[in-house]
């Protein structure tokens, strides 16, 4: 059941991205995206941990809260959901444009700024998740979904003008499948996002004194 939950949560996250970014939401798109992530986290967190993001799965695994056996299945479910959501989004909005938060996703990115933006956004997201959703110090809190959703919203506004603000390999595959960015950009997304997630896990284990005992 947890794999199905990962699929459903990731599907609605990326469907929201495709239809708001490709539609008429404009500057309100990050609010919708952060909101759907928040509610899907509250809906599925008690079942699967509500990763909805292969980079998050990597970070949670390195932190020691996801089994090695679950990692590939989580990632497959998330990426498959992202690609399906892209095709559904294109069906709903067949004439959607290649814009995100008022900027274009249609061309090739400037490599260094794109790597930095995706790295920083993913680092922030995974760092927040590890602290609010996996630490024994914050266990049982009721704000974890809000914290994670608002992290995505803030990073989308702050960094979205560089790459569109994916911070999620499943989103990267989704926007490519939707024709919103070239396939050639995939390595930028994947390298920066997985590196950001890995560093977030390392830093979390350094700063949370109770990590090893959790």
N, C-alpha and C. Protein backbone atom coordinates (compact mmCIF):
# COMPACT_ATOMS: atom_id res chain seq x y z
N UNK A 1 0.81 -1.21 0.00
CA UNK A 1 0.00 0.00 0.00
C UNK A 1 0.85 1.28 0.00
N UNK A 2 2.03 1.21 0.64
CA UNK A 2 2.83 2.43 0.72
C UNK A 2 3.33 2.87 -0.66
N UNK A 3 3.54 1.93 -1.56
CA UNK A 3 3.99 2.29 -2.90
C UNK A 3 2.86 2.96 -3.68
N UNK A 4 1.64 2.49 -3.47
CA UNK A 4 0.48 3.13 -4.10
C UNK A 4 0.30 4.55 -3.57
N UNK A 5 0.50 4.73 -2.27
CA UNK A 5 0.40 6.06 -1.67
C UNK A 5 1.44 7.00 -2.28
N UNK A 6 2.66 6.48 -2.47
CA UNK A 6 3.70 7.30 -3.10
C UNK A 6 3.31 7.69 -4.52
N UNK A 7 2.71 6.73 -5.24
CA UNK A 7 2.28 7.01 -6.61
C UNK A 7 1.19 8.08 -6.62
N UNK A 8 0.19 7.93 -5.77
CA UNK A 8 -0.93 8.88 -5.76
C UNK A 8 -0.46 10.28 -5.38
N UNK A 9 0.33 10.39 -4.31
CA UNK A 9 0.79 11.70 -3.88
C UNK A 9 1.65 12.40 -4.91
N UNK A 10 2.55 11.63 -5.53
CA UNK A 10 3.42 12.21 -6.56
C UNK A 10 2.61 12.59 -7.79
N UNK A 11 1.64 11.77 -8.14
CA UNK A 11 0.79 12.08 -9.30
C UNK A 11 0.11 13.43 -9.14
N UNK A 12 -0.53 13.64 -8.01
CA UNK A 12 -1.27 14.90 -7.83
C UNK A 12 -0.34 16.09 -7.67
N UNK A 13 0.83 15.89 -7.09
CA UNK A 13 1.80 16.97 -7.03
C UNK A 13 2.20 17.41 -8.43
N UNK A 14 2.55 16.47 -9.27
CA UNK A 14 3.06 16.83 -10.60
C UNK A 14 1.94 17.23 -11.54
N UNK A 15 0.76 16.66 -11.39
CA UNK A 15 -0.38 17.14 -12.17
C UNK A 15 -0.65 18.61 -11.85
N UNK A 16 -0.59 18.96 -10.58
CA UNK A 16 -0.79 20.36 -10.19
C UNK A 16 0.28 21.26 -10.80
N UNK A 17 1.52 20.80 -10.80
CA UNK A 17 2.60 21.58 -11.40
C UNK A 17 2.33 21.81 -12.88
N UNK A 18 1.98 20.75 -13.60
CA UNK A 18 1.80 20.85 -15.04
C UNK A 18 0.63 21.77 -15.38
N UNK A 19 -0.50 21.62 -14.70
CA UNK A 19 -1.67 22.40 -15.09
C UNK A 19 -1.62 23.84 -14.59
N UNK A 20 -0.91 24.09 -13.48
CA UNK A 20 -0.82 25.48 -13.02
C UNK A 20 0.28 26.23 -13.76
N UNK A 21 1.41 25.57 -13.95
CA UNK A 21 2.52 26.21 -14.67
C UNK A 21 2.17 26.37 -16.14
N UNK A 22 1.55 25.35 -16.72
CA UNK A 22 1.20 25.41 -18.14
C UNK A 22 -0.10 26.12 -18.42
N UNK A 23 -0.86 26.42 -17.37
CA UNK A 23 -2.14 27.09 -17.54
C UNK A 23 -2.05 28.58 -17.28
N UNK A 24 -3.02 29.09 -16.51
CA UNK A 24 -3.12 30.54 -16.32
C UNK A 24 -2.88 30.97 -14.88
N UNK A 25 -2.35 30.07 -14.05
CA UNK A 25 -2.16 30.41 -12.64
C UNK A 25 -1.10 31.49 -12.44
N UNK A 26 -0.10 31.52 -13.33
CA UNK A 26 0.92 32.55 -13.26
C UNK A 26 1.66 32.56 -11.93
N UNK A 27 1.69 33.72 -11.28
CA UNK A 27 2.44 33.87 -10.03
C UNK A 27 1.83 33.13 -8.85
N UNK A 28 0.62 32.61 -9.02
CA UNK A 28 -0.02 31.85 -7.95
C UNK A 28 0.35 30.37 -8.01
N UNK A 29 1.03 29.94 -9.07
CA UNK A 29 1.36 28.52 -9.23
C UNK A 29 2.11 27.94 -8.03
N UNK A 30 3.15 28.60 -7.51
CA UNK A 30 3.86 28.02 -6.36
C UNK A 30 2.99 27.81 -5.13
N UNK A 31 1.99 28.66 -4.95
CA UNK A 31 1.08 28.50 -3.81
C UNK A 31 0.25 27.22 -3.98
N UNK A 32 -0.25 27.01 -5.19
CA UNK A 32 -1.02 25.80 -5.46
C UNK A 32 -0.15 24.56 -5.31
N UNK A 33 1.07 24.63 -5.78
CA UNK A 33 1.99 23.48 -5.72
C UNK A 33 2.36 23.16 -4.28
N UNK A 34 2.71 24.17 -3.51
CA UNK A 34 3.02 23.95 -2.10
C UNK A 34 1.82 23.42 -1.32
N UNK A 35 0.62 23.89 -1.70
CA UNK A 35 -0.59 23.47 -1.00
C UNK A 35 -0.93 22.01 -1.28
N UNK A 36 -0.83 21.58 -2.55
CA UNK A 36 -1.15 20.19 -2.85
C UNK A 36 -0.11 19.26 -2.22
N UNK A 37 1.14 19.69 -2.18
CA UNK A 37 2.15 18.87 -1.51
C UNK A 37 1.81 18.75 -0.03
N UNK A 38 1.43 19.84 0.59
CA UNK A 38 1.08 19.83 2.02
C UNK A 38 -0.05 18.84 2.30
N UNK A 39 -1.14 18.93 1.56
CA UNK A 39 -2.29 18.08 1.87
C UNK A 39 -2.00 16.61 1.55
N UNK A 40 -1.22 16.35 0.50
CA UNK A 40 -0.86 14.97 0.19
C UNK A 40 0.09 14.38 1.25
N UNK A 41 0.91 15.22 1.84
CA UNK A 41 1.77 14.77 2.93
C UNK A 41 0.93 14.38 4.14
N UNK A 42 -0.05 15.22 4.48
CA UNK A 42 -0.92 14.89 5.60
C UNK A 42 -1.74 13.63 5.29
N UNK A 43 -2.11 13.45 4.02
CA UNK A 43 -2.93 12.29 3.64
C UNK A 43 -2.14 10.99 3.69
N UNK A 44 -0.86 11.03 3.29
CA UNK A 44 -0.12 9.79 3.15
C UNK A 44 1.06 9.60 4.06
N UNK A 45 1.37 10.60 4.88
CA UNK A 45 2.57 10.52 5.71
C UNK A 45 2.58 9.35 6.67
N UNK A 46 1.42 8.98 7.19
CA UNK A 46 1.36 7.89 8.16
C UNK A 46 1.47 6.51 7.52
N UNK A 47 1.39 6.47 6.20
CA UNK A 47 1.46 5.19 5.49
C UNK A 47 2.83 4.97 4.85
N UNK A 48 3.27 5.93 4.06
CA UNK A 48 4.52 5.75 3.30
C UNK A 48 5.63 6.69 3.72
N UNK A 49 5.32 7.67 4.57
CA UNK A 49 6.28 8.71 4.87
C UNK A 49 6.12 9.90 3.96
N UNK A 50 5.31 9.74 2.90
CA UNK A 50 4.97 10.83 1.98
C UNK A 50 6.20 11.52 1.40
N UNK A 51 7.06 10.73 0.74
CA UNK A 51 8.24 11.31 0.11
C UNK A 51 7.86 12.08 -1.16
N UNK A 52 7.18 11.40 -2.08
CA UNK A 52 6.73 11.97 -3.35
C UNK A 52 7.87 12.59 -4.16
N UNK A 53 9.07 12.09 -3.96
CA UNK A 53 10.25 12.74 -4.53
C UNK A 53 11.44 11.78 -4.37
N UNK A 54 12.04 11.31 -5.46
CA UNK A 54 13.19 10.40 -5.32
C UNK A 54 14.35 10.99 -4.54
N UNK A 55 14.55 12.31 -4.60
CA UNK A 55 15.62 12.93 -3.83
C UNK A 55 15.32 12.85 -2.33
N UNK A 56 14.06 13.02 -1.98
CA UNK A 56 13.67 12.87 -0.58
C UNK A 56 13.88 11.43 -0.12
N UNK A 57 13.52 10.48 -0.97
CA UNK A 57 13.73 9.07 -0.64
C UNK A 57 15.21 8.79 -0.39
N UNK A 58 16.08 9.36 -1.23
CA UNK A 58 17.51 9.19 -1.01
C UNK A 58 17.93 9.79 0.32
N UNK A 59 17.48 10.99 0.61
CA UNK A 59 17.84 11.64 1.86
C UNK A 59 17.35 10.88 3.08
N UNK A 60 16.12 10.38 3.02
CA UNK A 60 15.57 9.63 4.14
C UNK A 60 16.30 8.30 4.30
N UNK A 61 16.68 7.68 3.19
CA UNK A 61 17.47 6.45 3.25
C UNK A 61 18.83 6.70 3.89
N UNK A 62 19.53 7.73 3.48
CA UNK A 62 20.83 8.04 4.05
C UNK A 62 20.71 8.42 5.52
N UNK A 63 19.59 8.97 5.90
CA UNK A 63 19.35 9.31 7.30
C UNK A 63 19.03 8.05 8.12
N UNK A 64 18.65 6.95 7.45
CA UNK A 64 18.39 5.70 8.14
C UNK A 64 16.94 5.41 8.43
N UNK A 65 16.02 6.12 7.73
CA UNK A 65 14.60 5.95 7.98
C UNK A 65 13.86 5.37 6.78
N UNK A 66 14.58 4.78 5.85
CA UNK A 66 13.96 4.11 4.69
C UNK A 66 14.83 2.91 4.36
N UNK A 67 14.23 1.75 4.18
CA UNK A 67 15.01 0.54 3.92
C UNK A 67 15.55 0.54 2.50
N UNK A 68 16.68 -0.13 2.30
CA UNK A 68 17.28 -0.23 0.97
C UNK A 68 16.33 -0.91 -0.01
N UNK A 69 15.53 -1.85 0.47
CA UNK A 69 14.60 -2.55 -0.41
C UNK A 69 13.49 -1.63 -0.92
N UNK A 70 13.12 -0.62 -0.12
CA UNK A 70 12.05 0.30 -0.53
C UNK A 70 12.52 1.36 -1.51
N UNK A 71 13.80 1.71 -1.47
CA UNK A 71 14.30 2.84 -2.26
C UNK A 71 13.98 2.72 -3.75
N UNK A 72 14.37 1.62 -4.44
CA UNK A 72 14.09 1.58 -5.88
C UNK A 72 12.61 1.54 -6.21
N UNK A 73 11.81 0.89 -5.37
CA UNK A 73 10.37 0.81 -5.66
C UNK A 73 9.71 2.17 -5.44
N UNK A 74 10.11 2.87 -4.39
CA UNK A 74 9.62 4.23 -4.18
C UNK A 74 9.94 5.10 -5.39
N UNK A 75 11.19 5.04 -5.84
CA UNK A 75 11.62 5.91 -6.93
C UNK A 75 10.90 5.57 -8.23
N UNK A 76 10.72 4.29 -8.50
CA UNK A 76 9.99 3.88 -9.71
C UNK A 76 8.55 4.38 -9.65
N UNK A 77 7.90 4.21 -8.51
CA UNK A 77 6.52 4.67 -8.35
C UNK A 77 6.42 6.17 -8.54
N UNK A 78 7.36 6.91 -7.98
CA UNK A 78 7.34 8.38 -8.07
C UNK A 78 7.56 8.85 -9.50
N UNK A 79 8.53 8.29 -10.18
CA UNK A 79 8.82 8.72 -11.55
C UNK A 79 7.70 8.32 -12.50
N UNK A 80 7.16 7.11 -12.32
CA UNK A 80 6.03 6.67 -13.15
C UNK A 80 4.84 7.59 -12.95
N UNK A 81 4.58 7.98 -11.71
CA UNK A 81 3.47 8.89 -11.43
C UNK A 81 3.70 10.25 -12.08
N UNK A 82 4.95 10.71 -12.06
CA UNK A 82 5.27 12.00 -12.67
C UNK A 82 5.04 12.00 -14.17
N UNK A 83 5.44 10.93 -14.83
CA UNK A 83 5.26 10.85 -16.29
C UNK A 83 3.78 10.74 -16.63
N UNK A 84 3.03 9.91 -15.88
CA UNK A 84 1.60 9.79 -16.14
C UNK A 84 0.89 11.12 -15.91
N UNK A 85 1.26 11.81 -14.84
CA UNK A 85 0.65 13.11 -14.55
C UNK A 85 0.92 14.11 -15.67
N UNK A 86 2.09 14.03 -16.27
CA UNK A 86 2.42 14.93 -17.38
C UNK A 86 1.49 14.69 -18.56
N UNK A 87 1.24 13.43 -18.89
CA UNK A 87 0.37 13.12 -20.01
C UNK A 87 -1.08 13.50 -19.72
N UNK A 88 -1.52 13.29 -18.48
CA UNK A 88 -2.87 13.71 -18.11
C UNK A 88 -2.99 15.22 -18.19
N UNK A 89 -1.97 15.92 -17.70
CA UNK A 89 -1.97 17.37 -17.76
C UNK A 89 -2.04 17.89 -19.18
N UNK A 90 -1.32 17.24 -20.09
CA UNK A 90 -1.37 17.65 -21.50
C UNK A 90 -2.73 17.39 -22.11
N UNK A 91 -3.40 16.34 -21.67
CA UNK A 91 -4.76 16.07 -22.14
C UNK A 91 -5.73 17.14 -21.66
N UNK A 92 -5.55 17.59 -20.42
CA UNK A 92 -6.44 18.60 -19.86
C UNK A 92 -6.18 19.97 -20.46
N UNK A 93 -4.91 20.25 -20.75
CA UNK A 93 -4.53 21.56 -21.30
C UNK A 93 -3.69 21.35 -22.57
N UNK A 94 -4.33 20.94 -23.65
CA UNK A 94 -3.55 20.61 -24.86
C UNK A 94 -2.79 21.79 -25.45
N UNK A 95 -3.18 23.01 -25.12
CA UNK A 95 -2.49 24.18 -25.70
C UNK A 95 -1.68 24.93 -24.66
N UNK A 96 -1.29 24.22 -23.59
CA UNK A 96 -0.59 24.93 -22.52
C UNK A 96 0.74 25.49 -23.02
N UNK A 97 1.15 26.57 -22.39
CA UNK A 97 2.40 27.23 -22.78
C UNK A 97 3.55 26.82 -21.89
N UNK A 98 4.79 27.05 -22.34
CA UNK A 98 5.97 26.65 -21.57
C UNK A 98 6.42 27.70 -20.57
N UNK A 99 5.52 28.14 -19.68
CA UNK A 99 5.91 29.16 -18.71
C UNK A 99 5.76 28.67 -17.29
N UNK A 100 6.61 29.16 -16.44
CA UNK A 100 6.54 28.81 -15.02
C UNK A 100 6.90 30.02 -14.18
N UNK A 101 5.99 30.41 -13.30
CA UNK A 101 6.20 31.55 -12.43
C UNK A 101 6.65 32.77 -13.24
N UNK A 102 6.07 32.91 -14.41
CA UNK A 102 6.36 34.05 -15.24
C UNK A 102 7.63 33.94 -16.06
N UNK A 103 8.34 32.79 -16.01
CA UNK A 103 9.58 32.65 -16.78
C UNK A 103 9.48 31.44 -17.68
N UNK A 104 10.34 31.37 -18.67
CA UNK A 104 10.27 30.26 -19.61
C UNK A 104 11.04 29.05 -19.13
N UNK A 105 10.47 27.87 -19.38
CA UNK A 105 11.18 26.62 -19.13
C UNK A 105 11.55 25.97 -20.45
N UNK A 106 11.28 26.64 -21.53
CA UNK A 106 11.38 26.00 -22.83
C UNK A 106 12.78 25.82 -23.38
N UNK A 107 13.73 26.64 -22.97
CA UNK A 107 15.07 26.57 -23.55
C UNK A 107 16.05 25.83 -22.68
N UNK A 108 17.31 25.82 -23.10
CA UNK A 108 18.36 25.22 -22.29
C UNK A 108 18.78 26.19 -21.19
N UNK A 109 19.10 25.65 -20.03
CA UNK A 109 19.46 26.47 -18.89
C UNK A 109 20.94 26.86 -18.96
N UNK A 110 21.26 27.95 -18.27
CA UNK A 110 22.66 28.25 -17.98
C UNK A 110 23.10 27.23 -16.93
N UNK A 111 24.10 26.43 -17.26
CA UNK A 111 24.40 25.24 -16.46
C UNK A 111 24.72 25.56 -15.01
N UNK A 112 25.66 26.44 -14.76
CA UNK A 112 26.09 26.69 -13.38
C UNK A 112 24.96 27.27 -12.52
N UNK A 113 24.26 28.32 -12.96
CA UNK A 113 23.14 28.81 -12.14
C UNK A 113 22.06 27.76 -11.93
N UNK A 114 21.80 26.95 -12.96
CA UNK A 114 20.77 25.91 -12.84
C UNK A 114 21.17 24.86 -11.81
N UNK A 115 22.42 24.42 -11.86
CA UNK A 115 22.90 23.45 -10.88
C UNK A 115 22.80 24.00 -9.46
N UNK A 116 23.20 25.25 -9.29
CA UNK A 116 23.16 25.86 -7.96
C UNK A 116 21.72 25.98 -7.46
N UNK A 117 20.82 26.45 -8.32
CA UNK A 117 19.43 26.64 -7.92
C UNK A 117 18.77 25.33 -7.52
N UNK A 118 18.94 24.30 -8.35
CA UNK A 118 18.31 23.02 -8.04
C UNK A 118 18.96 22.36 -6.82
N UNK A 119 20.26 22.53 -6.68
CA UNK A 119 20.95 21.99 -5.50
C UNK A 119 20.44 22.65 -4.22
N UNK A 120 20.37 23.97 -4.21
CA UNK A 120 19.96 24.70 -3.01
C UNK A 120 18.50 24.41 -2.66
N UNK A 121 17.63 24.41 -3.67
CA UNK A 121 16.22 24.16 -3.41
C UNK A 121 15.98 22.76 -2.87
N UNK A 122 16.67 21.78 -3.44
CA UNK A 122 16.50 20.40 -2.97
C UNK A 122 17.12 20.22 -1.60
N UNK A 123 18.27 20.83 -1.38
CA UNK A 123 18.89 20.77 -0.04
C UNK A 123 17.93 21.31 1.00
N UNK A 124 17.35 22.48 0.75
CA UNK A 124 16.44 23.10 1.72
C UNK A 124 15.24 22.20 1.98
N UNK A 125 14.67 21.65 0.92
CA UNK A 125 13.50 20.79 1.06
C UNK A 125 13.82 19.55 1.90
N UNK A 126 14.88 18.84 1.55
CA UNK A 126 15.21 17.60 2.26
C UNK A 126 15.65 17.90 3.69
N UNK A 127 16.38 18.97 3.89
CA UNK A 127 16.80 19.36 5.24
C UNK A 127 15.60 19.62 6.14
N UNK A 128 14.61 20.33 5.61
CA UNK A 128 13.39 20.60 6.38
C UNK A 128 12.65 19.29 6.66
N UNK A 129 12.50 18.45 5.65
CA UNK A 129 11.79 17.18 5.85
C UNK A 129 12.45 16.33 6.93
N UNK A 130 13.76 16.21 6.88
CA UNK A 130 14.45 15.38 7.86
C UNK A 130 14.26 15.93 9.27
N UNK A 131 14.23 17.23 9.39
CA UNK A 131 14.09 17.84 10.72
C UNK A 131 12.67 17.80 11.25
N UNK A 132 11.68 18.01 10.40
CA UNK A 132 10.30 18.08 10.92
C UNK A 132 9.58 16.74 10.86
N UNK A 133 10.08 15.79 10.05
CA UNK A 133 9.34 14.54 9.88
C UNK A 133 10.09 13.29 10.30
N UNK A 134 11.40 13.40 10.61
CA UNK A 134 12.14 12.19 10.99
C UNK A 134 12.91 12.32 12.30
N UNK A 135 12.95 13.49 12.88
CA UNK A 135 13.71 13.68 14.11
C UNK A 135 12.88 13.29 15.33
N UNK A 136 13.51 12.63 16.29
CA UNK A 136 12.81 12.27 17.52
C UNK A 136 12.42 13.52 18.31
N UNK A 137 13.15 14.61 18.12
CA UNK A 137 12.87 15.85 18.84
C UNK A 137 11.54 16.47 18.40
N UNK A 138 11.20 16.30 17.12
CA UNK A 138 9.97 16.90 16.60
C UNK A 138 8.88 15.85 16.35
N UNK A 139 9.07 14.64 16.83
CA UNK A 139 8.11 13.56 16.59
C UNK A 139 6.72 13.93 17.07
N UNK A 140 5.71 13.60 16.26
CA UNK A 140 4.33 13.84 16.64
C UNK A 140 3.84 15.25 16.42
N UNK A 141 4.66 16.12 15.79
CA UNK A 141 4.21 17.49 15.57
C UNK A 141 3.10 17.53 14.53
N UNK A 142 2.32 18.60 14.54
CA UNK A 142 1.21 18.74 13.60
C UNK A 142 1.50 19.71 12.46
N UNK A 143 2.71 20.24 12.43
CA UNK A 143 3.03 21.27 11.45
C UNK A 143 3.92 20.79 10.31
N UNK A 144 4.30 19.51 10.31
CA UNK A 144 5.29 19.05 9.35
C UNK A 144 4.85 19.26 7.91
N UNK A 145 3.57 19.04 7.61
CA UNK A 145 3.09 19.25 6.25
C UNK A 145 3.16 20.70 5.82
N UNK A 146 2.81 21.60 6.73
CA UNK A 146 2.91 23.03 6.44
C UNK A 146 4.34 23.45 6.17
N UNK A 147 5.26 22.98 7.02
CA UNK A 147 6.66 23.35 6.86
C UNK A 147 7.20 22.89 5.51
N UNK A 148 6.87 21.68 5.12
CA UNK A 148 7.37 21.13 3.85
C UNK A 148 6.73 21.84 2.67
N UNK A 149 5.42 22.03 2.72
CA UNK A 149 4.74 22.71 1.62
C UNK A 149 5.22 24.13 1.41
N UNK A 150 5.42 24.85 2.51
CA UNK A 150 5.88 26.24 2.39
C UNK A 150 7.34 26.32 1.95
N UNK A 151 8.13 25.29 2.26
CA UNK A 151 9.50 25.26 1.75
C UNK A 151 9.50 25.22 0.24
N UNK A 152 8.66 24.37 -0.33
CA UNK A 152 8.57 24.28 -1.79
C UNK A 152 8.07 25.60 -2.38
N UNK A 153 7.06 26.18 -1.76
CA UNK A 153 6.52 27.46 -2.26
C UNK A 153 7.59 28.55 -2.24
N UNK A 154 8.29 28.67 -1.12
CA UNK A 154 9.32 29.71 -0.99
C UNK A 154 10.45 29.51 -1.97
N UNK A 155 10.90 28.26 -2.12
CA UNK A 155 12.01 28.00 -3.04
C UNK A 155 11.58 28.19 -4.49
N UNK A 156 10.33 27.87 -4.79
CA UNK A 156 9.83 28.10 -6.16
C UNK A 156 9.84 29.58 -6.50
N UNK A 157 9.40 30.41 -5.55
CA UNK A 157 9.44 31.85 -5.79
C UNK A 157 10.87 32.37 -5.84
N UNK A 158 11.71 31.88 -4.95
CA UNK A 158 13.06 32.40 -4.87
C UNK A 158 13.99 31.92 -5.96
N UNK A 159 13.82 30.67 -6.40
CA UNK A 159 14.76 30.07 -7.35
C UNK A 159 14.12 29.70 -8.69
N UNK A 160 12.81 29.83 -8.77
CA UNK A 160 12.11 29.38 -9.97
C UNK A 160 12.48 30.12 -11.24
N UNK A 161 12.99 31.33 -11.10
CA UNK A 161 13.36 32.09 -12.30
C UNK A 161 14.58 31.51 -13.01
N UNK A 162 15.28 30.58 -12.34
CA UNK A 162 16.48 29.99 -12.94
C UNK A 162 16.15 28.73 -13.73
N UNK A 163 15.38 27.83 -13.12
CA UNK A 163 15.08 26.54 -13.76
C UNK A 163 13.60 26.21 -13.81
N UNK A 164 12.77 27.03 -13.19
CA UNK A 164 11.38 26.68 -13.01
C UNK A 164 11.12 26.10 -11.64
N UNK A 165 12.19 25.66 -10.95
CA UNK A 165 12.07 25.19 -9.58
C UNK A 165 11.49 23.81 -9.44
N UNK A 166 12.23 22.79 -9.86
CA UNK A 166 11.74 21.41 -9.77
C UNK A 166 12.01 20.81 -8.39
N UNK A 167 13.27 20.75 -7.99
CA UNK A 167 13.71 20.22 -6.69
C UNK A 167 13.25 18.78 -6.46
N UNK A 168 13.06 18.04 -7.54
CA UNK A 168 12.44 16.72 -7.45
C UNK A 168 12.66 15.99 -8.77
N UNK A 169 13.39 14.87 -8.80
CA UNK A 169 13.60 14.16 -10.06
C UNK A 169 12.31 13.71 -10.75
N UNK A 170 11.28 13.38 -9.97
CA UNK A 170 10.00 13.00 -10.58
C UNK A 170 9.37 14.18 -11.30
N UNK A 171 9.54 15.37 -10.73
CA UNK A 171 9.07 16.58 -11.41
C UNK A 171 9.87 16.81 -12.68
N UNK A 172 11.17 16.58 -12.61
CA UNK A 172 12.02 16.75 -13.80
C UNK A 172 11.54 15.86 -14.94
N UNK A 173 11.31 14.58 -14.65
CA UNK A 173 10.81 13.68 -15.69
C UNK A 173 9.42 14.10 -16.15
N UNK A 174 8.61 14.60 -15.23
CA UNK A 174 7.27 15.04 -15.60
C UNK A 174 7.26 16.23 -16.53
N UNK A 175 8.04 17.27 -16.22
CA UNK A 175 8.03 18.45 -17.08
C UNK A 175 8.67 18.16 -18.43
N UNK A 176 9.61 17.21 -18.46
CA UNK A 176 10.17 16.80 -19.74
C UNK A 176 9.12 16.04 -20.56
N UNK A 177 8.39 15.13 -19.91
CA UNK A 177 7.34 14.39 -20.61
C UNK A 177 6.24 15.31 -21.10
N UNK A 178 6.00 16.41 -20.38
CA UNK A 178 4.98 17.37 -20.78
C UNK A 178 5.49 18.34 -21.85
N UNK A 179 6.76 18.25 -22.21
CA UNK A 179 7.32 19.14 -23.22
C UNK A 179 7.61 20.53 -22.71
N UNK A 180 7.76 20.67 -21.40
CA UNK A 180 7.96 21.98 -20.80
C UNK A 180 9.43 22.36 -20.67
N UNK A 181 10.33 21.40 -20.86
CA UNK A 181 11.76 21.66 -20.86
C UNK A 181 12.44 20.56 -21.67
N UNK A 182 13.56 20.82 -22.32
CA UNK A 182 14.21 19.80 -23.16
C UNK A 182 14.77 18.62 -22.38
N UNK A 183 14.81 17.47 -23.03
CA UNK A 183 15.40 16.27 -22.42
C UNK A 183 16.84 16.52 -22.02
N UNK A 184 17.54 17.36 -22.76
CA UNK A 184 18.95 17.64 -22.48
C UNK A 184 19.18 18.22 -21.10
N UNK A 185 18.13 18.76 -20.47
CA UNK A 185 18.29 19.34 -19.14
C UNK A 185 18.23 18.32 -18.01
N UNK A 186 17.91 17.07 -18.31
CA UNK A 186 17.66 16.10 -17.25
C UNK A 186 18.87 15.90 -16.34
N UNK A 187 20.08 15.92 -16.91
CA UNK A 187 21.26 15.67 -16.08
C UNK A 187 21.46 16.77 -15.05
N UNK A 188 21.08 17.99 -15.40
CA UNK A 188 21.21 19.12 -14.48
C UNK A 188 20.31 18.88 -13.27
N UNK A 189 19.06 18.54 -13.56
CA UNK A 189 18.11 18.27 -12.49
C UNK A 189 18.61 17.14 -11.58
N UNK A 190 18.95 16.01 -12.19
CA UNK A 190 19.27 14.82 -11.40
C UNK A 190 20.55 15.00 -10.57
N UNK A 191 21.58 15.54 -11.19
CA UNK A 191 22.84 15.74 -10.47
C UNK A 191 22.66 16.67 -9.29
N UNK A 192 22.05 17.82 -9.53
CA UNK A 192 21.90 18.82 -8.48
C UNK A 192 20.96 18.34 -7.38
N UNK A 193 19.87 17.70 -7.76
CA UNK A 193 18.87 17.29 -6.77
C UNK A 193 19.38 16.16 -5.88
N UNK A 194 19.98 15.14 -6.46
CA UNK A 194 20.48 14.05 -5.63
C UNK A 194 21.66 14.50 -4.76
N UNK A 195 22.49 15.40 -5.30
CA UNK A 195 23.59 15.93 -4.49
C UNK A 195 23.07 16.76 -3.33
N UNK A 196 22.07 17.58 -3.59
CA UNK A 196 21.48 18.39 -2.53
C UNK A 196 20.86 17.54 -1.45
N UNK A 197 20.17 16.47 -1.85
CA UNK A 197 19.54 15.57 -0.89
C UNK A 197 20.58 14.85 -0.03
N UNK A 198 21.64 14.38 -0.67
CA UNK A 198 22.69 13.67 0.05
C UNK A 198 23.37 14.58 1.07
N UNK A 199 23.67 15.81 0.67
CA UNK A 199 24.31 16.73 1.61
C UNK A 199 23.37 17.07 2.76
N UNK A 200 22.08 17.22 2.47
CA UNK A 200 21.12 17.51 3.53
C UNK A 200 21.11 16.40 4.58
N UNK A 201 21.19 15.15 4.12
CA UNK A 201 21.21 14.02 5.06
C UNK A 201 22.47 14.04 5.90
N UNK A 202 23.60 14.35 5.28
CA UNK A 202 24.87 14.42 6.01
C UNK A 202 24.82 15.52 7.07
N UNK A 203 24.35 16.70 6.67
CA UNK A 203 24.29 17.83 7.60
C UNK A 203 23.31 17.53 8.73
N UNK A 204 22.17 16.93 8.40
CA UNK A 204 21.18 16.61 9.42
C UNK A 204 21.77 15.69 10.49
N UNK A 205 22.52 14.68 10.05
CA UNK A 205 23.10 13.73 11.00
C UNK A 205 24.19 14.40 11.86
N UNK A 206 24.77 15.47 11.33
CA UNK A 206 25.76 16.21 12.10
C UNK A 206 25.11 17.10 13.16
N UNK A 207 23.98 17.72 12.82
CA UNK A 207 23.41 18.73 13.71
C UNK A 207 22.35 18.18 14.65
N UNK A 208 21.77 17.02 14.35
CA UNK A 208 20.77 16.42 15.24
C UNK A 208 21.46 15.40 16.14
N UNK A 209 21.66 15.71 17.40
CA UNK A 209 22.45 14.84 18.28
C UNK A 209 21.81 13.48 18.55
N UNK A 210 20.51 13.36 18.32
CA UNK A 210 19.84 12.11 18.62
C UNK A 210 19.62 11.23 17.40
N UNK A 211 20.17 11.62 16.27
CA UNK A 211 19.92 10.90 15.02
C UNK A 211 20.27 9.42 15.10
N UNK A 212 21.45 9.10 15.58
CA UNK A 212 21.91 7.73 15.58
C UNK A 212 21.13 6.84 16.54
N UNK A 213 20.45 7.46 17.51
CA UNK A 213 19.69 6.66 18.46
C UNK A 213 18.23 6.52 18.07
N UNK A 214 17.77 7.27 17.05
CA UNK A 214 16.36 7.24 16.64
C UNK A 214 15.98 5.86 16.13
